[in-house]
Amino acid sequence: MNKLLAKFLAALAMGAACISMPAQASGSGIHMDTFPADRLHDEAALQRGAKLFVNYCLNCHSAAYMRFNRLRDIGLTEAQIKENLLFTTEKVGEVMKASIDANQAKAWFGAAPPDLTVIARSRAGAGYSGADYLYTYLRTYYQDDTKATGWNNLAFPSVAMPHVLWELQGVRRAVFEEQQDPHDHAKTAHVFKGFEQVTPGKLSAQEYDSAVADLVAYLQWMGEPAQGLRVRLGVWVLLFLSVFMVIAWRLNASFWKDVK
């Protein structure tokens, strides 16, 4: 029984370590910045993120598995939803559909824009979460006149999606430097050195990062609206099992104390 209790406590410790493990750099490509996960527990941040999503994302991308009235879970009333967020439908109980025609979008961008309901969950990789990826992706756009849209992205090179938040961030260009390949001195590598601001946006760099964090928090929440409740219930379940394990251990010892 002591061994069983030890294994159970070890499993709890490993689970806690996995939950708190920070995102690391991806195995290849650029480093994924860590998304500020505290935004997931901030209703005001989630509401700001929902507003950004409806204004900047819902024009092309649907969230076909999310209904507008589910936004009541982040503190919005039906009146607030109708007044501020209903641009593509008339009923608060309908799903979030894109305003763009799918065939037109495919003709313009080469592919229909993907549904974003579970985009944060689908973009997770080795060592980083989907929220980390989106937080990095939305902050690494830069002007590139060689691309059809006029934009490129460090996290997703040659991306077909234009920089829809450019008015907020402003226009930037990426600065690259040719460096000698340390493994083959006959070759050179195209190394990213930083961004250069061409024209300012409506937001400062810090304000833009904060706005992106709000948007990503909403995308993460939208992928599983019940995850906060699930985590809270999970903590109570683990506490109950821990207490019950101790009771069962002592009860077992009491039953078998006279058996040799």
Protein backbone atom coordinates (compact mmCIF):
# COMPACT_ATOMS: atom_id res chain seq x y z
CA MET A 1 0.00 0.00 0.00
CA ASN A 2 2.89 2.34 0.76
CA LYS A 3 4.27 1.75 -2.74
CA LEU A 4 0.85 2.47 -4.27
CA LEU A 5 0.60 5.73 -2.31
CA ALA A 6 4.11 6.73 -3.39
CA LYS A 7 3.28 6.07 -7.05
CA PHE A 8 0.07 8.09 -6.76
CA LEU A 9 1.86 11.09 -5.22
CA ALA A 10 4.58 10.86 -7.87
CA ALA A 11 1.94 10.93 -10.60
CA LEU A 12 0.38 14.03 -9.05
CA ALA A 13 3.78 15.73 -8.98
CA MET A 14 4.45 14.87 -12.62
CA GLY A 15 1.03 16.20 -13.63
CA ALA A 16 1.65 19.47 -11.82
CA ALA A 17 5.05 19.79 -13.50
CA CYS A 18 3.52 19.27 -16.95
CA ILE A 19 0.84 21.89 -16.30
CA SER A 20 3.35 24.52 -15.19
CA MET A 21 6.00 23.75 -17.82
CA PRO A 22 6.82 26.89 -19.84
CA ALA A 23 6.99 26.90 -23.62
CA GLN A 24 10.44 26.48 -25.11
CA ALA A 25 11.82 27.20 -28.53
CA SER A 26 10.54 25.04 -31.33
CA GLY A 27 12.73 22.31 -32.71
CA SER A 28 13.33 24.28 -35.91
CA GLY A 29 12.60 27.79 -37.15
CA ILE A 30 12.17 30.86 -34.99
CA HIS A 31 11.78 30.88 -31.23
CA MET A 32 8.15 30.89 -30.12
CA ASP A 33 7.45 33.65 -27.61
CA THR A 34 5.55 32.65 -24.49
CA PHE A 35 1.92 33.73 -24.45
CA PRO A 36 0.94 35.51 -21.19
CA ALA A 37 -1.45 32.82 -19.95
CA ASP A 38 -2.85 35.02 -17.16
CA ARG A 39 -5.06 36.65 -19.82
CA LEU A 40 -7.15 33.46 -19.90
CA HIS A 41 -8.43 34.26 -16.41
CA ASP A 42 -9.14 37.94 -17.14
CA GLU A 43 -12.71 38.53 -18.35
CA ALA A 44 -11.90 42.05 -19.52
CA ALA A 45 -9.03 40.71 -21.66
CA LEU A 46 -11.26 38.00 -23.14
CA GLN A 47 -13.92 40.60 -23.96
CA ARG A 48 -11.35 42.82 -25.69
CA GLY A 49 -10.11 39.77 -27.57
CA ALA A 50 -13.65 38.91 -28.69
CA LYS A 51 -14.07 42.45 -30.01
CA LEU A 52 -10.80 42.21 -31.97
CA PHE A 53 -11.81 38.81 -33.33
CA VAL A 54 -15.16 40.06 -34.62
CA ASN A 55 -13.69 43.24 -36.10
CA TYR A 56 -10.53 41.85 -37.70
CA CYS A 57 -10.87 38.06 -38.08
CA LEU A 58 -14.53 37.29 -38.68
CA ASN A 59 -14.49 39.11 -42.02
CA CYS A 60 -12.67 36.15 -43.60
CA HIS A 61 -12.54 33.40 -40.96
CA SER A 62 -15.51 31.61 -39.46
CA ALA A 63 -15.83 30.11 -36.01
CA ALA A 64 -18.54 27.70 -37.04
CA TYR A 65 -18.61 25.79 -33.72
CA MET A 66 -19.03 28.86 -31.52
CA ARG A 67 -22.31 30.65 -30.95
CA PHE A 68 -22.45 34.34 -30.12
CA ASN A 69 -24.54 33.71 -27.01
CA ARG A 70 -21.69 31.63 -25.54
CA LEU A 71 -19.91 34.96 -24.98
CA ARG A 72 -22.11 35.31 -21.90
CA ASP A 73 -19.56 32.99 -20.28
CA ILE A 74 -16.97 35.80 -20.38
CA GLY A 75 -19.28 38.35 -18.77
CA LEU A 76 -21.11 39.86 -21.74
CA THR A 77 -24.88 40.30 -21.76
CA GLU A 78 -27.03 39.50 -24.78
CA ALA A 79 -27.70 43.22 -25.19
CA GLN A 80 -23.94 43.95 -25.30
CA ILE A 81 -23.40 41.12 -27.79
CA LYS A 82 -26.16 42.38 -30.09
CA GLU A 83 -25.04 46.00 -29.88
CA ASN A 84 -21.29 45.51 -30.31
CA LEU A 85 -20.55 42.15 -31.92
CA LEU A 86 -23.36 41.11 -34.27
CA PHE A 87 -22.16 42.18 -37.70
CA THR A 88 -22.61 38.97 -39.71
CA THR A 89 -25.90 37.70 -38.27
CA GLU A 90 -29.08 39.00 -36.69
CA LYS A 91 -29.60 36.38 -33.98
CA VAL A 92 -27.46 36.03 -30.90
CA GLY A 93 -27.95 32.25 -30.92
CA GLU A 94 -26.35 31.77 -34.35
CA VAL A 95 -22.80 30.58 -34.97
CA MET A 96 -19.96 32.90 -35.98
CA LYS A 97 -19.93 32.82 -39.77
CA ALA A 98 -17.50 34.74 -41.96
CA SER A 99 -18.91 37.55 -44.06
CA ILE A 100 -16.73 36.65 -47.07
CA ASP A 101 -17.81 34.19 -49.74
CA ALA A 102 -15.68 31.01 -49.55
CA ASN A 103 -15.27 30.77 -53.34
CA GLN A 104 -14.13 34.40 -53.58
CA ALA A 105 -11.70 33.89 -50.72
CA LYS A 106 -10.20 30.85 -52.44
CA ALA A 107 -9.79 32.82 -55.67
CA TRP A 108 -8.15 35.76 -53.89
CA PHE A 109 -5.88 33.93 -51.44
CA GLY A 110 -5.40 30.57 -53.17
CA ALA A 111 -7.21 28.70 -50.40
CA ALA A 112 -10.31 29.21 -48.30
CA PRO A 113 -9.45 30.78 -44.91
CA PRO A 114 -9.59 28.09 -42.22
CA ASP A 115 -12.15 27.97 -39.45
CA LEU A 116 -10.69 29.40 -36.24
CA THR A 117 -12.82 27.70 -33.59
CA VAL A 118 -10.02 25.36 -32.48
CA ILE A 119 -7.05 27.07 -34.17
CA ALA A 120 -5.22 27.58 -30.86
CA ARG A 121 -5.44 23.87 -30.04
CA SER A 122 -4.41 22.76 -33.53
CA ARG A 123 -1.24 24.89 -33.69
CA ALA A 124 0.56 23.39 -30.71
CA GLY A 125 3.98 21.90 -31.44
CA ALA A 126 6.96 20.35 -29.72
CA GLY A 127 7.84 22.55 -26.77
CA TYR A 128 5.24 25.27 -27.34
CA SER A 129 1.48 25.68 -27.15
CA GLY A 130 -0.89 26.78 -29.88
CA ALA A 131 -1.33 30.07 -28.01
CA ASP A 132 2.47 30.60 -28.10
CA TYR A 133 2.45 30.02 -31.85
CA LEU A 134 -0.42 32.46 -32.50
CA TYR A 135 1.09 35.08 -30.19
CA THR A 136 4.36 34.87 -32.13
CA TYR A 137 2.71 34.66 -35.55
CA LEU A 138 0.57 37.78 -35.13
CA ARG A 139 3.61 39.78 -33.96
CA THR A 140 6.09 38.78 -36.71
CA TYR A 141 4.48 40.16 -39.87
CA TYR A 142 6.62 42.42 -42.05
CA GLN A 143 6.31 44.19 -45.39
CA ASP A 144 7.53 42.16 -48.38
CA ASP A 145 6.88 43.56 -51.85
CA THR A 146 7.84 40.25 -53.46
CA LYS A 147 4.66 38.61 -52.12
CA ALA A 148 1.23 38.93 -53.71
CA THR A 149 -0.29 40.36 -50.53
CA GLY A 150 2.67 42.63 -49.81
CA TRP A 151 3.30 40.86 -46.49
CA ASN A 152 5.38 38.00 -45.12
CA ASN A 153 5.74 36.36 -41.73
CA LEU A 154 8.65 34.90 -39.78
CA ALA A 155 6.58 32.20 -38.07
CA PHE A 156 4.80 31.24 -41.31
CA PRO A 157 7.02 32.16 -44.29
CA SER A 158 5.19 33.00 -47.53
CA VAL A 159 1.84 33.00 -45.72
CA ALA A 160 -1.17 33.75 -47.95
CA MET A 161 -2.94 35.75 -45.25
CA PRO A 162 -2.23 39.50 -45.32
CA HIS A 163 -1.46 41.44 -42.15
CA VAL A 164 -4.99 42.36 -41.08
CA LEU A 165 -3.76 44.15 -37.94
CA TRP A 166 -1.30 46.41 -39.78
CA GLU A 167 -3.23 49.57 -38.93
CA LEU A 168 -2.73 48.81 -35.25
CA GLN A 169 0.92 47.75 -35.50
CA GLY A 170 2.04 49.95 -38.37
CA VAL A 171 4.25 48.89 -41.25
CA ARG A 172 7.56 47.17 -40.47
CA ARG A 173 10.26 45.65 -42.59
CA ALA A 174 12.50 42.79 -41.59
CA VAL A 175 16.26 43.28 -41.51
CA PHE A 176 18.29 40.27 -42.61
CA GLU A 177 22.03 39.77 -42.72
CA GLU A 178 24.13 37.40 -44.78
CA GLN A 179 26.39 35.41 -42.49
CA GLN A 180 28.89 32.69 -43.24
CA ASP A 181 27.60 29.21 -42.58
CA PRO A 182 29.69 27.86 -39.65
CA HIS A 183 29.42 24.32 -41.06
CA ASP A 184 30.27 25.19 -44.65
CA HIS A 185 32.37 28.33 -45.19
CA ALA A 186 31.54 28.29 -48.90
CA LYS A 187 27.89 29.04 -48.08
CA THR A 188 26.12 31.98 -46.48
CA ALA A 189 22.98 32.00 -44.36
CA HIS A 190 20.13 34.55 -44.44
CA VAL A 191 19.90 35.53 -40.75
CA PHE A 192 17.10 37.64 -39.29
CA LYS A 193 18.43 40.58 -37.24
CA GLY A 194 15.31 42.52 -36.28
CA PHE A 195 12.46 44.74 -37.41
CA GLU A 196 12.59 48.31 -38.62
CA GLN A 197 9.47 50.48 -38.22
CA VAL A 198 8.53 52.12 -41.53
CA THR A 199 5.31 53.86 -40.49
CA PRO A 200 3.78 53.97 -36.99
CA GLY A 201 0.50 52.27 -36.15
CA LYS A 202 -2.41 53.33 -33.98
CA LEU A 203 -0.86 51.46 -31.05
CA SER A 204 2.60 51.53 -29.54
CA ALA A 205 4.66 48.33 -29.61
CA GLN A 206 3.66 47.50 -26.02
CA GLU A 207 -0.01 48.26 -26.66
CA TYR A 208 0.00 46.12 -29.80
CA ASP A 209 1.57 43.17 -27.97
CA SER A 210 -1.11 43.53 -25.28
CA ALA A 211 -3.88 43.62 -27.89
CA VAL A 212 -2.51 40.49 -29.57
CA ALA A 213 -2.36 38.77 -26.17
CA ASP A 214 -6.06 39.61 -25.66
CA LEU A 215 -6.95 38.23 -29.10
CA VAL A 216 -4.96 35.03 -28.57
CA ALA A 217 -6.53 34.60 -25.13
CA TYR A 218 -9.95 34.72 -26.76
CA LEU A 219 -8.90 32.22 -29.46
CA GLN A 220 -7.55 29.90 -26.77
CA TRP A 221 -10.74 30.24 -24.72
CA MET A 222 -12.94 29.70 -27.80
CA GLY A 223 -11.27 26.34 -28.52
CA GLU A 224 -12.57 25.03 -25.19
CA PRO A 225 -14.86 27.46 -23.33
CA ALA A 226 -15.27 25.01 -20.45
CA GLN A 227 -11.55 24.55 -19.84
CA GLY A 228 -11.53 26.91 -16.84
CA LEU A 229 -14.30 24.93 -15.15
CA ARG A 230 -12.60 21.67 -16.12
CA VAL A 231 -9.33 22.74 -14.50
CA ARG A 232 -11.07 23.96 -11.33
CA LEU A 233 -13.02 20.71 -11.02
CA GLY A 234 -9.85 18.74 -11.72
CA VAL A 235 -8.10 20.35 -8.76
CA TRP A 236 -10.96 19.42 -6.42
CA VAL A 237 -11.06 15.86 -7.80
CA LEU A 238 -7.32 15.42 -7.20
CA LEU A 239 -7.66 16.80 -3.67
CA PHE A 240 -10.55 14.41 -2.98
CA LEU A 241 -8.60 11.44 -4.34
CA SER A 242 -5.58 12.41 -2.23
CA VAL A 243 -7.65 12.54 0.97
CA PHE A 244 -9.52 9.33 0.06
CA MET A 245 -6.20 7.56 -0.64
CA VAL A 246 -4.97 8.36 2.87
CA ILE A 247 -8.28 7.16 4.39
CA ALA A 248 -8.19 3.94 2.34
CA TRP A 249 -4.56 3.36 3.30
CA ARG A 250 -5.27 3.70 7.04
CA LEU A 251 -8.48 1.65 6.76
CA ASN A 252 -6.57 -1.12 5.00
CA ALA A 253 -3.95 -1.06 7.74
CA SER A 254 -6.67 -1.29 10.40
CA PHE A 255 -8.37 -4.27 8.73
CA TRP A 256 -5.18 -6.27 8.34
CA LYS A 257 -3.29 -5.28 11.50
CA ASP A 258 -4.08 -8.59 13.25
CA VAL A 259 -3.33 -10.75 10.23
CA LYS A 260 0.18 -12.16 10.21
